[in-house]
Protein backbone atom coordinates (compact mmCIF):
# COMPACT_ATOMS: atom_id res chain seq x y z
CA MET A 1 0.10 -0.04 0.05
CA SER A 2 1.39 3.19 -1.00
CA GLY A 3 2.05 6.27 1.68
CA PHE A 4 0.23 9.64 1.66
CA PRO A 5 0.40 11.41 -1.66
CA GLU A 6 3.63 13.76 -1.26
CA GLU A 7 2.17 16.67 -3.43
CA LEU A 8 -0.11 17.71 -0.39
CA ASP A 9 2.45 18.05 1.92
CA VAL A 10 0.29 16.92 5.15
CA PRO A 11 2.86 16.56 8.04
CA VAL A 12 3.00 13.92 10.53
CA VAL A 13 2.91 14.76 13.78
CA THR A 14 2.45 12.97 17.32
CA ALA A 15 -0.38 12.53 19.76
CA GLY A 16 1.17 15.44 21.97
CA ASP A 17 0.93 17.80 19.44
CA VAL A 18 -3.02 17.79 19.22
CA ALA A 19 -5.48 18.86 21.65
CA ASP A 20 -8.67 20.75 21.06
CA ALA A 21 -8.36 24.28 22.39
CA GLU A 22 -10.92 26.75 23.44
CA VAL A 23 -10.89 30.10 20.92
CA ARG A 24 -13.35 32.80 21.60
CA ARG A 25 -14.55 34.62 17.91
CA PRO A 26 -15.83 37.85 18.39
CA LEU A 27 -19.86 37.45 18.78
CA LEU A 28 -21.46 40.20 17.09
CA SER A 29 -24.91 39.23 17.79
CA THR A 30 -27.18 36.77 19.79
CA ASP A 31 -30.79 36.00 19.44
CA VAL A 32 -32.65 33.72 20.99
CA VAL A 33 -34.92 32.22 18.17
CA PHE A 34 -36.61 29.15 19.88
CA THR A 35 -36.97 28.39 23.88
CA GLY A 36 -37.78 24.98 24.18
CA HIS A 37 -39.16 22.55 27.21
CA VAL A 38 -35.01 21.42 27.44
CA TRP A 39 -32.91 23.50 25.35
CA ASP A 40 -33.24 26.56 23.33
CA VAL A 41 -32.03 27.60 19.79
CA VAL A 42 -30.25 30.72 19.35
CA ARG A 43 -28.97 32.61 16.33
CA GLU A 44 -25.39 33.85 16.53
CA GLU A 45 -23.43 35.90 14.28
CA VAL A 46 -19.95 35.70 14.46
CA GLU A 47 -16.44 37.04 13.19
CA LEU A 48 -14.11 34.25 11.37
CA PRO A 49 -10.96 35.31 9.72
CA GLY A 50 -12.66 35.05 6.28
CA GLY A 51 -15.51 37.55 7.53
CA THR A 52 -18.71 36.78 9.51
CA VAL A 53 -21.39 33.69 9.41
CA THR A 54 -24.56 33.12 10.78
CA ARG A 55 -25.17 30.00 12.74
CA ASP A 56 -28.33 28.55 14.50
CA VAL A 57 -27.09 26.74 17.86
CA GLN A 58 -28.84 24.00 20.19
CA ARG A 59 -28.04 25.88 23.76
CA HIS A 60 -27.68 22.31 25.76
CA PRO A 61 -27.35 22.04 29.40
CA GLY A 62 -24.79 18.64 28.66
CA ALA A 63 -25.22 15.48 30.03
CA VAL A 64 -23.40 12.49 31.62
CA THR A 65 -23.25 8.82 30.58
CA VAL A 66 -22.73 5.95 32.66
CA LEU A 67 -20.98 2.54 31.34
CA ALA A 68 -21.73 0.08 34.69
CA LEU A 69 -19.55 -2.97 34.31
CA ASP A 70 -20.02 -6.27 36.58
CA GLY A 71 -17.02 -7.99 38.31
CA ASP A 72 -17.61 -10.66 34.93
CA ASP A 73 -17.12 -7.54 32.32
CA ASN A 74 -21.09 -7.36 31.50
CA VAL A 75 -21.80 -4.36 30.43
CA VAL A 76 -25.65 -2.73 31.90
CA LEU A 77 -27.79 -1.39 28.55
CA LEU A 78 -31.46 -0.35 29.19
CA LYS A 79 -33.71 -0.19 26.24
CA GLN A 80 -35.34 3.41 25.68
CA TYR A 81 -37.88 4.47 23.04
CA ARG A 82 -36.40 7.56 21.22
CA HIS A 83 -39.23 9.56 19.53
CA PRO A 84 -37.36 11.79 17.24
CA VAL A 85 -35.66 8.72 15.43
CA ARG A 86 -38.93 6.28 15.78
CA ARG A 87 -37.02 3.75 17.47
CA GLU A 88 -35.87 1.88 20.69
CA LEU A 89 -32.70 2.29 21.38
CA TRP A 90 -29.97 0.14 23.78
CA GLU A 91 -28.47 2.88 25.88
CA LEU A 92 -26.31 3.45 28.98
CA PRO A 93 -27.72 5.01 31.93
CA ALA A 94 -27.42 8.57 31.38
CA GLY A 95 -29.09 12.31 32.02
CA LEU A 96 -28.81 15.97 31.38
CA LEU A 97 -26.97 18.04 33.46
CA ASP A 98 -30.33 20.19 34.02
CA VAL A 99 -30.11 20.32 38.23
CA GLU A 100 -29.10 23.71 39.22
CA GLY A 101 -25.57 23.23 41.02
CA GLU A 102 -25.52 19.69 40.60
CA ALA A 103 -21.89 18.27 40.10
CA PRO A 104 -21.30 16.08 37.00
CA LEU A 105 -20.14 13.11 39.20
CA VAL A 106 -23.22 13.51 41.36
CA ALA A 107 -25.47 13.68 37.97
CA ALA A 108 -24.02 10.49 37.14
CA ARG A 109 -24.50 8.70 40.70
CA ARG A 110 -28.06 9.89 40.45
CA GLU A 111 -28.58 8.53 37.27
CA LEU A 112 -27.04 5.01 37.73
CA ALA A 113 -29.60 4.75 40.60
CA GLU A 114 -32.61 6.17 39.18
CA GLU A 115 -32.40 4.51 35.52
CA ALA A 116 -30.45 1.16 36.73
CA ASP A 117 -31.26 0.60 40.44
CA LEU A 118 -27.53 0.58 41.05
CA VAL A 119 -24.86 2.10 43.15
CA ALA A 120 -21.04 1.61 42.24
CA ALA A 121 -18.27 2.05 44.97
CA ASP A 122 -15.72 3.11 41.71
CA TRP A 123 -16.04 5.45 39.94
CA ALA A 124 -13.63 7.00 37.04
CA VAL A 125 -13.65 9.13 33.62
CA VAL A 126 -13.89 7.41 30.69
CA VAL A 127 -13.85 10.12 27.85
CA ASP A 128 -15.30 13.56 27.41
CA TRP A 129 -17.09 14.23 24.14
CA PHE A 130 -19.19 16.75 22.21
CA ASN A 131 -22.35 15.21 20.90
CA SER A 132 -22.59 17.37 17.69
CA PRO A 133 -20.33 20.23 17.88
CA GLY A 134 -21.40 21.40 14.35
CA GLY A 135 -24.99 22.60 15.83
CA SER A 136 -25.07 21.97 19.14
CA SER A 137 -23.03 23.13 22.86
CA GLU A 138 -24.04 19.43 24.24
CA ALA A 139 -20.87 18.38 26.19
CA ASN A 140 -21.15 14.66 27.50
CA ARG A 141 -19.04 12.71 30.36
CA ILE A 142 -18.83 9.20 30.16
CA TYR A 143 -17.94 7.61 33.44
CA LEU A 144 -16.82 3.77 34.37
CA ALA A 145 -18.87 2.79 37.44
CA ARG A 146 -17.68 -0.48 38.86
CA GLY A 147 -18.31 -2.47 42.18
CA LEU A 148 -22.03 -2.71 41.63
CA SER A 149 -24.72 -3.18 44.11
CA ALA A 150 -28.83 -2.65 44.06
CA VAL A 151 -30.31 0.19 45.55
CA PRO A 152 -32.63 -0.78 48.25
CA ARG A 153 -36.43 -1.55 46.88
CA SER A 154 -37.55 1.07 49.31
CA GLU A 155 -35.49 3.79 47.95
CA ARG A 156 -35.88 3.19 44.18
CA HIS A 157 -36.81 5.83 41.40
CA ASP A 158 -40.31 5.79 40.41
CA ARG A 159 -39.41 6.07 36.60
CA GLU A 160 -41.77 8.10 34.42
CA ASP A 161 -42.76 8.61 30.56
CA GLU A 162 -39.96 7.30 27.99
CA GLU A 163 -38.01 5.66 31.29
CA ARG A 164 -41.37 3.84 32.62
CA ASP A 165 -40.79 0.69 30.78
CA MET A 166 -36.87 0.27 31.28
CA VAL A 167 -35.78 -2.59 32.00
CA PRO A 168 -31.46 -3.26 32.77
CA VAL A 169 -29.88 -6.14 30.89
CA ARG A 170 -26.32 -7.33 31.22
CA LEU A 171 -24.42 -7.97 28.12
CA PRO A 172 -20.63 -8.87 27.82
CA LEU A 173 -18.26 -6.13 26.99
CA GLU A 174 -16.74 -8.18 24.20
CA GLU A 175 -20.45 -8.55 22.66
CA ALA A 176 -21.40 -5.13 23.04
CA VAL A 177 -18.37 -4.20 20.92
CA ARG A 178 -19.23 -6.51 18.61
CA ALA A 179 -23.05 -5.28 18.63
CA VAL A 180 -21.59 -1.74 17.82
CA LEU A 181 -18.89 -2.45 14.71
CA GLN A 182 -21.88 -4.55 13.24
CA GLY A 183 -24.36 -1.50 13.12
CA HIS A 184 -26.91 -3.04 15.89
CA LEU A 185 -26.12 -0.28 18.61
CA HIS A 186 -26.67 3.42 17.49
CA ASN A 187 -26.92 5.22 20.65
CA PRO A 188 -23.66 7.76 20.55
CA GLY A 189 -23.19 7.34 24.06
CA THR A 190 -23.36 3.53 23.89
CA VAL A 191 -21.13 3.37 20.81
CA ILE A 192 -18.00 5.59 22.19
CA GLY A 193 -18.44 4.31 25.68
CA VAL A 194 -18.48 0.62 24.75
CA LEU A 195 -15.75 1.11 22.62
CA ALA A 196 -13.77 3.48 24.97
CA VAL A 197 -13.95 1.08 27.97
CA HIS A 198 -12.80 -1.57 25.82
CA ALA A 199 -9.68 0.32 24.79
CA ALA A 200 -9.40 1.02 28.51
CA ARG A 201 -9.49 -2.78 29.53
CA ALA A 202 -6.97 -3.20 26.82
CA ALA A 203 -4.25 -0.74 28.44
CA GLY A 204 -5.11 -2.42 31.92
CA PHE A 205 -7.77 0.90 32.81
CA THR A 206 -4.43 2.97 32.98
CA THR A 207 -5.91 5.59 30.81
CA LEU A 208 -8.67 6.02 33.50
CA ARG A 209 -9.09 9.41 34.73
CA PRO A 210 -10.44 10.55 38.61
CA ALA A 211 -13.95 10.75 38.68
CA ASP A 212 -13.79 14.43 40.00
CA GLU A 213 -11.48 15.58 37.32
CA PRO A 214 -12.53 19.04 36.23
CA TRP A 215 -14.49 19.47 33.14
CA PRO A 216 -14.53 22.89 31.60
CA GLU A 217 -16.66 21.60 28.63
CA GLY A 218 -19.12 20.72 31.15
CA LEU A 219 -19.61 24.37 32.04
CA LEU A 220 -20.05 25.82 28.22
CA ARG A 221 -23.64 26.78 28.22
CA ARG A 222 -24.52 26.07 31.70
C-alpha cells in the first residue's frame, strides 16, 4: 500500500501535538429564536478570519453517561424509546445536567440509581466528547462505574414517561463491541462508551482519569 500523496504536504504529528483548545471568536449578535422544554436555539453572528457567518446553535445543558461494568465484565444496557428517530435504542444510563448546582459526578450517580437501580463503589472518567459540535453546545462525559450493588427497594426511583418501561440487561463487553461494529447499536453514548472502555481495559485501565477531574467543557453553556 502506498504512502500519503507527497504533493499534499500534510505533516505527520504526534499525539502531544493535538489537543482541542477553546477559542473565543468575536460574537456580533445573539438572538433566542426558539425556547424549548429542555433546550433553546439561538442564532449567532460570529466573526471569523474570512468574514462573518450566522449559525443556529442548540444551547444544551450538557449530559453525563455511565458505563456500569460488573465483576464479570458485563455492561449494563437499557432499552429506551427515542421519538425523534422512531426507534427503541439500547443505551447506557445517562441524563442531562439540568439540576442547578449539581456536579457531573453527582448527576452520574443519580442517573445510575434512577435508571438502573444501581450504586457503584468505584468511579472514573473514561472519555469526554461533544455530541454534535457543528450545531449544538452539548458536552458529554462518560464515567466507568464498577463495584456495583443494588439500590434498596424502598429507595428506588419511580420511573416515568419514556423511562417507565426501561428494564436493565447485562451484555458481555466483548459482545457489546461486536454489536457496535455490526451496526446494531446506534446511541452515541453507547457506541463511544463501549469502544472507549474496551480500549481502556486493553490498556489495563491505566488511561482512566479521576472521577472528580475538572470538566470545563461541561460548563460551556450552563
